Amino acid sequence: MSIPKSPDPAKLVVSVFMKERQVFDQIFDRLEAIAGPCDIISKWLDFDFTDYYYQEMGAPLYRRLIAFKPLIEQASLASIKLATNLLEKTCLDGDNRQVNIDPGYLLSSRFVLATGKEYSHRIYIGQNIYADLTLMYTKKGFKTLEWTYPDYASQAVTGFLEKVRNKYLLDLKERKNL
């Protein structure tokens, strides 16, 4: 018989991409209001893995990844996704988004993104939101899966997530020593 135990808290990581970089400055404080203070932020990354968003947002697109200091309960991911969806809506240009905000969480063993889109490998987590297992962590580092988006498979993203994972492991160690 398995004995249920509380899951470890997770490190919240949010991907933000947009055409106009100044949009990031307009929403950064609001992201911190949702998630708490920023812990680690990536440099600007080119978003050139797909043209899927070009019709709506234009091109070129740029991305930043943000990891937040407070560890979160894994169950809060759906609520965070809904909050970031509302933030996206405050940045509409007509019917078009100016920014795409994708929250996810990192554990020592995996990186999970939140989405409103159902698919065979996505698990329903409540509030009309699904969890997408995006990357797994092995002894060799982050491992992509058959459905991992190419941008999340890139060295720029996995390298950033390695830094976040290292910080997360320190955060967990500190938390257990309290």
N, C-alpha and C. Protein backbone atom coordinates (compact mmCIF):
# COMPACT_ATOMS: atom_id res chain seq x y z
N MET A 1 0.85 -1.17 0.00
CA MET A 1 0.00 0.00 0.00
C MET A 1 0.90 1.24 0.00
N SER A 2 0.58 2.18 -0.84
CA SER A 2 1.33 3.43 -0.83
C SER A 2 0.77 4.33 0.28
N ILE A 3 1.66 5.07 0.88
CA ILE A 3 1.26 5.98 1.95
C ILE A 3 1.39 7.41 1.44
N PRO A 4 0.28 8.11 1.29
CA PRO A 4 0.35 9.48 0.77
C PRO A 4 1.18 10.39 1.67
N LYS A 5 1.94 11.27 1.04
CA LYS A 5 2.69 12.28 1.77
C LYS A 5 2.58 13.59 1.01
N SER A 6 2.80 14.65 1.72
CA SER A 6 2.71 15.97 1.09
C SER A 6 3.81 16.12 0.05
N PRO A 7 3.47 16.67 -1.10
CA PRO A 7 4.49 16.88 -2.14
C PRO A 7 5.42 18.03 -1.76
N ASP A 8 6.61 17.98 -2.28
CA ASP A 8 7.54 19.09 -2.08
C ASP A 8 6.96 20.35 -2.71
N PRO A 9 7.28 21.50 -2.15
CA PRO A 9 6.92 22.75 -2.82
C PRO A 9 7.75 22.87 -4.10
N ALA A 10 7.32 23.73 -4.98
CA ALA A 10 7.96 23.87 -6.29
C ALA A 10 8.50 25.29 -6.47
N LYS A 11 9.38 25.43 -7.43
CA LYS A 11 9.91 26.74 -7.81
C LYS A 11 9.10 27.22 -9.01
N LEU A 12 8.43 28.36 -8.85
CA LEU A 12 7.63 28.91 -9.94
C LEU A 12 8.55 29.56 -10.97
N VAL A 13 8.34 29.18 -12.22
CA VAL A 13 9.07 29.74 -13.36
C VAL A 13 8.03 30.23 -14.36
N VAL A 14 8.19 31.46 -14.81
CA VAL A 14 7.24 32.03 -15.77
C VAL A 14 7.99 32.43 -17.02
N SER A 15 7.47 32.01 -18.16
CA SER A 15 7.99 32.42 -19.46
C SER A 15 7.12 33.55 -19.98
N VAL A 16 7.76 34.61 -20.43
CA VAL A 16 7.04 35.76 -20.97
C VAL A 16 7.62 36.06 -22.34
N PHE A 17 6.78 36.04 -23.37
CA PHE A 17 7.31 36.48 -24.66
C PHE A 17 6.39 37.50 -25.29
N MET A 18 7.01 38.36 -26.10
CA MET A 18 6.33 39.53 -26.66
C MET A 18 7.13 40.05 -27.84
N LYS A 19 6.49 40.93 -28.59
CA LYS A 19 7.19 41.59 -29.70
C LYS A 19 7.91 42.84 -29.20
N GLU A 20 7.24 43.63 -28.41
CA GLU A 20 7.81 44.89 -27.91
C GLU A 20 8.37 44.67 -26.51
N ARG A 21 9.67 44.80 -26.36
CA ARG A 21 10.32 44.50 -25.08
C ARG A 21 9.81 45.37 -23.93
N GLN A 22 9.35 46.58 -24.23
CA GLN A 22 8.89 47.46 -23.14
C GLN A 22 7.63 46.92 -22.46
N VAL A 23 6.91 46.03 -23.11
CA VAL A 23 5.74 45.40 -22.48
C VAL A 23 6.19 44.65 -21.21
N PHE A 24 7.37 44.08 -21.26
CA PHE A 24 7.89 43.37 -20.09
C PHE A 24 7.98 44.30 -18.89
N ASP A 25 8.49 45.50 -19.12
CA ASP A 25 8.60 46.47 -18.03
C ASP A 25 7.23 46.84 -17.47
N GLN A 26 6.22 46.84 -18.34
CA GLN A 26 4.87 47.20 -17.92
C GLN A 26 4.22 46.12 -17.05
N ILE A 27 4.63 44.87 -17.23
CA ILE A 27 3.95 43.79 -16.51
C ILE A 27 4.79 43.18 -15.39
N PHE A 28 6.08 43.50 -15.32
CA PHE A 28 6.95 42.84 -14.36
C PHE A 28 6.45 43.00 -12.92
N ASP A 29 6.10 44.21 -12.52
CA ASP A 29 5.60 44.43 -11.16
C ASP A 29 4.32 43.65 -10.90
N ARG A 30 3.48 43.53 -11.92
CA ARG A 30 2.23 42.78 -11.74
C ARG A 30 2.50 41.28 -11.61
N LEU A 31 3.54 40.79 -12.29
CA LEU A 31 3.93 39.39 -12.11
C LEU A 31 4.44 39.15 -10.68
N GLU A 32 5.21 40.10 -10.17
CA GLU A 32 5.69 39.97 -8.79
C GLU A 32 4.52 40.05 -7.80
N ALA A 33 3.48 40.81 -8.14
CA ALA A 33 2.31 40.87 -7.27
C ALA A 33 1.60 39.52 -7.23
N ILE A 34 1.64 38.78 -8.32
CA ILE A 34 1.03 37.46 -8.40
C ILE A 34 1.91 36.42 -7.69
N ALA A 35 3.23 36.50 -7.93
CA ALA A 35 4.11 35.40 -7.57
C ALA A 35 5.12 35.69 -6.48
N GLY A 36 5.28 36.93 -6.09
CA GLY A 36 6.30 37.27 -5.11
C GLY A 36 7.54 37.81 -5.80
N PRO A 37 8.57 38.13 -5.03
CA PRO A 37 9.77 38.73 -5.60
C PRO A 37 10.49 37.79 -6.57
N CYS A 38 11.12 38.39 -7.55
CA CYS A 38 11.91 37.66 -8.54
C CYS A 38 13.18 37.13 -7.88
N ASP A 39 13.57 35.94 -8.26
CA ASP A 39 14.79 35.31 -7.75
C ASP A 39 15.88 35.33 -8.82
N ILE A 40 15.55 34.82 -10.00
CA ILE A 40 16.49 34.73 -11.12
C ILE A 40 15.74 35.12 -12.39
N ILE A 41 16.39 35.90 -13.24
CA ILE A 41 15.76 36.30 -14.50
C ILE A 41 16.74 36.05 -15.64
N SER A 42 16.23 35.55 -16.74
CA SER A 42 17.09 35.26 -17.89
C SER A 42 17.40 36.55 -18.64
N LYS A 43 18.41 36.46 -19.47
CA LYS A 43 18.65 37.53 -20.43
C LYS A 43 17.54 37.43 -21.49
N TRP A 44 17.49 38.38 -22.39
CA TRP A 44 16.53 38.31 -23.49
C TRP A 44 16.90 37.16 -24.40
N LEU A 45 15.91 36.35 -24.74
CA LEU A 45 16.12 35.22 -25.64
C LEU A 45 15.30 35.44 -26.91
N ASP A 46 15.90 35.12 -28.04
CA ASP A 46 15.13 35.17 -29.29
C ASP A 46 14.10 34.05 -29.27
N PHE A 47 12.96 34.34 -29.85
CA PHE A 47 11.88 33.35 -29.91
C PHE A 47 11.69 33.01 -31.38
N ASP A 48 12.56 32.17 -31.90
CA ASP A 48 12.53 31.89 -33.34
C ASP A 48 12.33 30.41 -33.65
N PHE A 49 11.62 29.71 -32.76
CA PHE A 49 11.41 28.28 -32.96
C PHE A 49 10.13 27.96 -33.72
N THR A 50 9.23 28.93 -33.79
CA THR A 50 7.96 28.73 -34.47
C THR A 50 7.42 30.08 -34.92
N ASP A 51 6.61 30.06 -35.96
CA ASP A 51 5.93 31.29 -36.38
C ASP A 51 4.46 31.27 -35.96
N TYR A 52 4.11 30.34 -35.07
CA TYR A 52 2.73 30.15 -34.62
C TYR A 52 2.10 31.44 -34.11
N TYR A 53 2.85 32.27 -33.40
CA TYR A 53 2.32 33.47 -32.77
C TYR A 53 2.48 34.73 -33.63
N TYR A 54 3.16 34.63 -34.76
CA TYR A 54 3.47 35.82 -35.55
C TYR A 54 2.23 36.55 -36.05
N GLN A 55 1.22 35.81 -36.50
CA GLN A 55 0.02 36.47 -37.02
C GLN A 55 -0.66 37.31 -35.94
N GLU A 56 -0.71 36.81 -34.73
CA GLU A 56 -1.35 37.53 -33.64
C GLU A 56 -0.45 38.62 -33.06
N MET A 57 0.83 38.31 -32.87
CA MET A 57 1.70 39.20 -32.11
C MET A 57 2.73 39.95 -32.96
N GLY A 58 2.96 39.49 -34.17
CA GLY A 58 4.00 40.09 -35.00
C GLY A 58 5.32 39.38 -34.79
N ALA A 59 6.35 39.91 -35.43
CA ALA A 59 7.69 39.31 -35.35
C ALA A 59 8.72 40.42 -35.45
N PRO A 60 9.89 40.21 -34.92
CA PRO A 60 10.33 39.06 -34.13
C PRO A 60 9.76 39.10 -32.73
N LEU A 61 9.82 37.96 -32.05
CA LEU A 61 9.37 37.86 -30.67
C LEU A 61 10.57 37.61 -29.77
N TYR A 62 10.46 38.09 -28.53
CA TYR A 62 11.52 37.94 -27.55
C TYR A 62 10.95 37.34 -26.27
N ARG A 63 11.79 36.59 -25.57
CA ARG A 63 11.35 35.90 -24.36
C ARG A 63 12.29 36.23 -23.20
N ARG A 64 11.67 36.24 -22.02
CA ARG A 64 12.42 36.23 -20.76
C ARG A 64 11.79 35.18 -19.87
N LEU A 65 12.62 34.53 -19.10
CA LEU A 65 12.17 33.56 -18.11
C LEU A 65 12.47 34.13 -16.73
N ILE A 66 11.52 33.94 -15.82
CA ILE A 66 11.66 34.47 -14.48
C ILE A 66 11.39 33.33 -13.49
N ALA A 67 12.29 33.18 -12.54
CA ALA A 67 12.04 32.27 -11.41
C ALA A 67 11.78 33.16 -10.20
N PHE A 68 10.83 32.78 -9.38
CA PHE A 68 10.42 33.58 -8.24
C PHE A 68 10.94 32.98 -6.94
N LYS A 69 11.22 33.85 -5.97
CA LYS A 69 11.80 33.41 -4.70
C LYS A 69 10.90 32.48 -3.90
N PRO A 70 9.63 32.83 -3.67
CA PRO A 70 8.82 31.95 -2.82
C PRO A 70 8.58 30.60 -3.49
N LEU A 71 8.73 29.55 -2.72
CA LEU A 71 8.35 28.24 -3.23
C LEU A 71 6.83 28.15 -3.15
N ILE A 72 6.24 27.47 -4.12
CA ILE A 72 4.78 27.39 -4.19
C ILE A 72 4.31 25.96 -3.97
N GLU A 73 3.06 25.83 -3.57
CA GLU A 73 2.43 24.51 -3.54
C GLU A 73 2.13 24.13 -4.98
N GLN A 74 2.40 22.90 -5.34
CA GLN A 74 2.15 22.46 -6.71
C GLN A 74 0.69 22.67 -7.11
N ALA A 75 -0.21 22.50 -6.17
CA ALA A 75 -1.64 22.64 -6.45
C ALA A 75 -2.04 24.07 -6.82
N SER A 76 -1.17 25.03 -6.59
CA SER A 76 -1.53 26.43 -6.90
C SER A 76 -1.28 26.79 -8.36
N LEU A 77 -0.72 25.89 -9.14
CA LEU A 77 -0.38 26.22 -10.54
C LEU A 77 -1.60 26.65 -11.35
N ALA A 78 -2.73 26.00 -11.16
CA ALA A 78 -3.93 26.36 -11.93
C ALA A 78 -4.36 27.80 -11.62
N SER A 79 -4.36 28.18 -10.36
CA SER A 79 -4.73 29.55 -9.98
C SER A 79 -3.75 30.57 -10.54
N ILE A 80 -2.48 30.23 -10.54
CA ILE A 80 -1.46 31.14 -11.09
C ILE A 80 -1.68 31.30 -12.59
N LYS A 81 -1.99 30.22 -13.29
CA LYS A 81 -2.25 30.31 -14.74
C LYS A 81 -3.45 31.22 -15.01
N LEU A 82 -4.49 31.09 -14.22
CA LEU A 82 -5.66 31.96 -14.40
C LEU A 82 -5.29 33.43 -14.16
N ALA A 83 -4.46 33.69 -13.17
CA ALA A 83 -4.03 35.06 -12.89
C ALA A 83 -3.18 35.62 -14.03
N THR A 84 -2.30 34.80 -14.60
CA THR A 84 -1.48 35.29 -15.71
C THR A 84 -2.33 35.46 -16.98
N ASN A 85 -3.36 34.63 -17.14
CA ASN A 85 -4.28 34.84 -18.27
C ASN A 85 -4.97 36.21 -18.17
N LEU A 86 -5.40 36.56 -16.95
CA LEU A 86 -6.02 37.88 -16.75
C LEU A 86 -5.03 38.99 -17.05
N LEU A 87 -3.79 38.82 -16.65
CA LEU A 87 -2.76 39.82 -16.93
C LEU A 87 -2.55 39.96 -18.44
N GLU A 88 -2.54 38.86 -19.17
CA GLU A 88 -2.44 38.93 -20.63
C GLU A 88 -3.58 39.77 -21.21
N LYS A 89 -4.77 39.59 -20.68
CA LYS A 89 -5.94 40.32 -21.19
C LYS A 89 -5.82 41.82 -20.98
N THR A 90 -5.10 42.25 -19.95
CA THR A 90 -4.93 43.69 -19.73
C THR A 90 -3.97 44.31 -20.74
N CYS A 91 -3.31 43.47 -21.53
CA CYS A 91 -2.33 43.94 -22.50
C CYS A 91 -2.77 43.69 -23.94
N LEU A 92 -4.06 43.55 -24.16
CA LEU A 92 -4.55 43.31 -25.51
C LEU A 92 -4.42 44.55 -26.38
N ASP A 93 -4.17 44.32 -27.65
CA ASP A 93 -4.21 45.37 -28.67
C ASP A 93 -5.35 44.96 -29.60
N GLY A 94 -6.54 45.48 -29.34
CA GLY A 94 -7.72 44.97 -30.03
C GLY A 94 -7.99 43.58 -29.50
N ASP A 95 -8.04 42.60 -30.41
CA ASP A 95 -8.23 41.20 -30.00
C ASP A 95 -6.91 40.44 -29.88
N ASN A 96 -5.81 41.10 -30.17
CA ASN A 96 -4.51 40.43 -30.19
C ASN A 96 -3.73 40.64 -28.91
N ARG A 97 -3.09 39.57 -28.46
CA ARG A 97 -2.23 39.67 -27.29
C ARG A 97 -0.93 40.39 -27.66
N GLN A 98 -0.45 41.18 -26.72
CA GLN A 98 0.88 41.77 -26.86
C GLN A 98 1.91 40.95 -26.11
N VAL A 99 1.43 40.07 -25.24
CA VAL A 99 2.32 39.27 -24.41
C VAL A 99 1.68 37.90 -24.18
N ASN A 100 2.54 36.88 -24.12
CA ASN A 100 2.12 35.54 -23.78
C ASN A 100 2.85 35.16 -22.50
N ILE A 101 2.11 34.76 -21.49
CA ILE A 101 2.69 34.43 -20.18
C ILE A 101 2.37 32.98 -19.87
N ASP A 102 3.42 32.18 -19.72
CA ASP A 102 3.26 30.76 -19.44
C ASP A 102 3.92 30.40 -18.12
N PRO A 103 3.12 30.21 -17.06
CA PRO A 103 3.69 29.77 -15.79
C PRO A 103 3.90 28.26 -15.77
N GLY A 104 4.88 27.87 -15.00
CA GLY A 104 5.14 26.47 -14.77
C GLY A 104 5.88 26.33 -13.46
N TYR A 105 6.16 25.10 -13.09
CA TYR A 105 6.96 24.92 -11.89
C TYR A 105 8.05 23.90 -12.13
N LEU A 106 9.10 24.07 -11.34
CA LEU A 106 10.24 23.19 -11.42
C LEU A 106 10.40 22.44 -10.10
N LEU A 107 10.61 21.15 -10.22
CA LEU A 107 10.98 20.29 -9.10
C LEU A 107 12.34 19.69 -9.44
N SER A 108 12.93 18.98 -8.52
CA SER A 108 14.25 18.41 -8.82
C SER A 108 14.18 17.42 -9.98
N SER A 109 13.02 16.81 -10.21
CA SER A 109 12.88 15.76 -11.22
C SER A 109 12.20 16.18 -12.51
N ARG A 110 11.62 17.39 -12.55
CA ARG A 110 10.84 17.74 -13.75
C ARG A 110 10.51 19.22 -13.82
N PHE A 111 10.10 19.61 -15.03
CA PHE A 111 9.58 20.95 -15.27
C PHE A 111 8.21 20.79 -15.90
N VAL A 112 7.22 21.46 -15.33
CA VAL A 112 5.82 21.32 -15.73
C VAL A 112 5.27 22.69 -16.10
N LEU A 113 4.58 22.79 -17.23
CA LEU A 113 3.92 24.02 -17.64
C LEU A 113 2.41 23.89 -17.46
N ALA A 114 1.76 25.02 -17.23
CA ALA A 114 0.30 25.06 -17.15
C ALA A 114 -0.26 25.47 -18.51
N THR A 115 -1.38 24.90 -18.87
CA THR A 115 -2.02 25.23 -20.14
C THR A 115 -3.53 25.05 -20.01
N GLY A 116 -4.26 25.75 -20.84
CA GLY A 116 -5.70 25.56 -20.91
C GLY A 116 -6.10 24.57 -21.98
N LYS A 117 -5.11 23.98 -22.65
CA LYS A 117 -5.39 23.08 -23.77
C LYS A 117 -5.21 21.63 -23.35
N GLU A 118 -6.26 20.84 -23.53
CA GLU A 118 -6.23 19.42 -23.20
C GLU A 118 -5.51 18.66 -24.30
N TYR A 119 -4.74 17.66 -23.91
CA TYR A 119 -4.11 16.76 -24.87
C TYR A 119 -3.76 15.48 -24.13
N SER A 120 -3.44 14.42 -24.85
CA SER A 120 -3.27 13.10 -24.24
C SER A 120 -2.24 13.04 -23.11
N HIS A 121 -1.19 13.82 -23.18
CA HIS A 121 -0.14 13.76 -22.16
C HIS A 121 -0.31 14.81 -21.07
N ARG A 122 -1.39 15.55 -21.09
CA ARG A 122 -1.63 16.60 -20.11
C ARG A 122 -2.64 16.12 -19.07
N ILE A 123 -2.36 16.44 -17.82
CA ILE A 123 -3.18 16.00 -16.71
C ILE A 123 -4.01 17.17 -16.20
N TYR A 124 -5.28 16.95 -16.03
CA TYR A 124 -6.18 17.99 -15.52
C TYR A 124 -5.84 18.29 -14.06
N ILE A 125 -5.69 19.59 -13.74
CA ILE A 125 -5.35 19.98 -12.37
C ILE A 125 -6.40 20.90 -11.75
N GLY A 126 -7.54 21.05 -12.42
CA GLY A 126 -8.61 21.87 -11.87
C GLY A 126 -8.70 23.23 -12.53
N GLN A 127 -9.86 23.86 -12.37
CA GLN A 127 -10.12 25.22 -12.87
C GLN A 127 -9.91 25.34 -14.39
N ASN A 128 -10.18 24.26 -15.11
CA ASN A 128 -10.03 24.20 -16.57
C ASN A 128 -8.59 24.33 -17.03
N ILE A 129 -7.65 23.94 -16.20
CA ILE A 129 -6.22 24.02 -16.50
C ILE A 129 -5.60 22.62 -16.44
N TYR A 130 -4.61 22.41 -17.29
CA TYR A 130 -3.91 21.13 -17.40
C TYR A 130 -2.42 21.34 -17.10
N ALA A 131 -1.78 20.30 -16.61
CA ALA A 131 -0.34 20.31 -16.38
C ALA A 131 0.33 19.54 -17.52
N ASP A 132 1.33 20.16 -18.12
CA ASP A 132 2.06 19.57 -19.23
C ASP A 132 3.47 19.24 -18.75
N LEU A 133 3.77 17.96 -18.62
CA LEU A 133 5.12 17.55 -18.28
C LEU A 133 6.00 17.90 -19.47
N THR A 134 6.84 18.90 -19.31
CA THR A 134 7.60 19.46 -20.43
C THR A 134 9.02 18.91 -20.51
N LEU A 135 9.69 18.78 -19.36
CA LEU A 135 11.05 18.26 -19.31
C LEU A 135 11.18 17.36 -18.08
N MET A 136 12.01 16.33 -18.19
CA MET A 136 12.34 15.50 -17.04
C MET A 136 13.82 15.69 -16.75
N TYR A 137 14.18 15.59 -15.48
CA TYR A 137 15.58 15.73 -15.11
C TYR A 137 16.17 14.37 -14.81
N THR A 138 17.29 14.05 -15.43
CA THR A 138 17.99 12.79 -15.20
C THR A 138 19.42 13.12 -14.78
N LYS A 139 20.23 12.10 -14.57
CA LYS A 139 21.63 12.31 -14.21
C LYS A 139 22.37 13.10 -15.29
N LYS A 140 21.86 13.05 -16.51
CA LYS A 140 22.51 13.74 -17.63
C LYS A 140 21.94 15.14 -17.86
N GLY A 141 21.04 15.57 -17.01
CA GLY A 141 20.45 16.90 -17.18
C GLY A 141 19.00 16.79 -17.64
N PHE A 142 18.50 17.90 -18.20
CA PHE A 142 17.11 17.90 -18.65
C PHE A 142 16.95 17.05 -19.89
N LYS A 143 15.90 16.25 -19.89
CA LYS A 143 15.59 15.35 -21.00
C LYS A 143 14.28 15.81 -21.62
N THR A 144 14.31 15.98 -22.93
CA THR A 144 13.08 16.36 -23.63
C THR A 144 12.20 15.13 -23.82
N LEU A 145 10.96 15.41 -24.08
CA LEU A 145 9.98 14.36 -24.35
C LEU A 145 9.47 14.55 -25.77
N GLU A 146 8.77 13.59 -26.26
CA GLU A 146 8.28 13.64 -27.64
C GLU A 146 7.46 14.90 -27.92
N TRP A 147 6.80 15.44 -26.93
CA TRP A 147 5.92 16.60 -27.09
C TRP A 147 6.54 17.91 -26.61
N THR A 148 7.78 17.88 -26.12
CA THR A 148 8.42 19.10 -25.63
C THR A 148 8.52 20.12 -26.76
N TYR A 149 8.05 21.33 -26.50
CA TYR A 149 8.18 22.40 -27.50
C TYR A 149 9.65 22.65 -27.78
N PRO A 150 10.02 22.91 -29.05
CA PRO A 150 11.44 23.10 -29.40
C PRO A 150 12.13 24.22 -28.60
N ASP A 151 11.41 25.28 -28.28
CA ASP A 151 12.06 26.36 -27.52
C ASP A 151 12.42 25.90 -26.11
N TYR A 152 11.60 25.05 -25.50
CA TYR A 152 11.92 24.54 -24.17
C TYR A 152 13.02 23.48 -24.22
N ALA A 153 13.27 22.93 -25.39
CA ALA A 153 14.36 21.97 -25.56
C ALA A 153 15.69 22.67 -25.84
N SER A 154 15.65 23.96 -26.08
CA SER A 154 16.87 24.70 -26.46
C SER A 154 17.84 24.81 -25.29
N GLN A 155 19.11 24.94 -25.62
CA GLN A 155 20.15 25.11 -24.60
C GLN A 155 19.93 26.37 -23.78
N ALA A 156 19.42 27.43 -24.42
CA ALA A 156 19.19 28.68 -23.69
C ALA A 156 18.19 28.46 -22.55
N VAL A 157 17.12 27.74 -22.82
CA VAL A 157 16.09 27.51 -21.80
C VAL A 157 16.56 26.46 -20.79
N THR A 158 17.08 25.33 -21.25
CA THR A 158 17.49 24.31 -20.30
C THR A 158 18.68 24.79 -19.45
N GLY A 159 19.54 25.61 -20.02
CA GLY A 159 20.64 26.19 -19.23
C GLY A 159 20.12 27.08 -18.12
N PHE A 160 19.12 27.90 -18.44
CA PHE A 160 18.50 28.74 -17.41
C PHE A 160 17.84 27.87 -16.35
N LEU A 161 17.12 26.83 -16.78
CA LEU A 161 16.44 25.95 -15.83
C LEU A 161 17.43 25.20 -14.95
N GLU A 162 18.63 24.90 -15.45
CA GLU A 162 19.68 24.29 -14.61
C GLU A 162 20.04 25.21 -13.46
N LYS A 163 20.19 26.51 -13.75
CA LYS A 163 20.50 27.48 -12.69
C LYS A 163 19.36 27.54 -11.67
N VAL A 164 18.14 27.55 -12.19
CA VAL A 164 16.98 27.61 -11.30
C VAL A 164 16.91 26.34 -10.45
N ARG A 165 17.19 25.21 -11.05
CA ARG A 165 17.15 23.95 -10.30
C ARG A 165 18.18 23.97 -9.17
N ASN A 166 19.39 24.44 -9.46
CA ASN A 166 20.41 24.53 -8.43
C ASN A 166 19.95 25.41 -7.27
N LYS A 167 19.34 26.54 -7.59
CA LYS A 167 18.82 27.44 -6.56
C LYS A 167 17.68 26.78 -5.79
N TYR A 168 16.82 26.10 -6.50
CA TYR A 168 15.70 25.39 -5.88
C TYR A 168 16.19 24.36 -4.87
N LEU A 169 17.22 23.59 -5.23
CA LEU A 169 17.75 22.59 -4.31
C LEU A 169 18.31 23.25 -3.04
N LEU A 170 18.96 24.40 -3.20
CA LEU A 170 19.42 25.16 -2.03
C LEU A 170 18.25 25.64 -1.19
N ASP A 171 17.20 26.15 -1.86
CA ASP A 171 16.00 26.61 -1.14
C ASP A 171 15.38 25.47 -0.33
N LEU A 172 15.28 24.30 -0.93
CA LEU A 172 14.72 23.14 -0.22
C LEU A 172 15.56 22.77 0.99
N LYS A 173 16.87 22.79 0.81
CA LYS A 173 17.79 22.45 1.90
C LYS A 173 17.63 23.46 3.06
N GLU A 174 17.57 24.74 2.72
CA GLU A 174 17.36 25.78 3.75
C GLU A 174 16.04 25.57 4.47
N ARG A 175 15.01 25.27 3.70
CA ARG A 175 13.68 25.09 4.28
C ARG A 175 13.66 23.91 5.26
N LYS A 176 14.35 22.83 4.91
CA LYS A 176 14.38 21.66 5.77
C LYS A 176 15.22 21.90 7.02
N ASN A 177 16.17 22.83 6.93
CA ASN A 177 17.03 23.14 8.09
C ASN A 177 16.38 24.13 9.06
N LEU A 178 15.23 24.68 8.70
CA LEU A 178 14.57 25.63 9.60
C LEU A 178 13.89 24.93 10.76
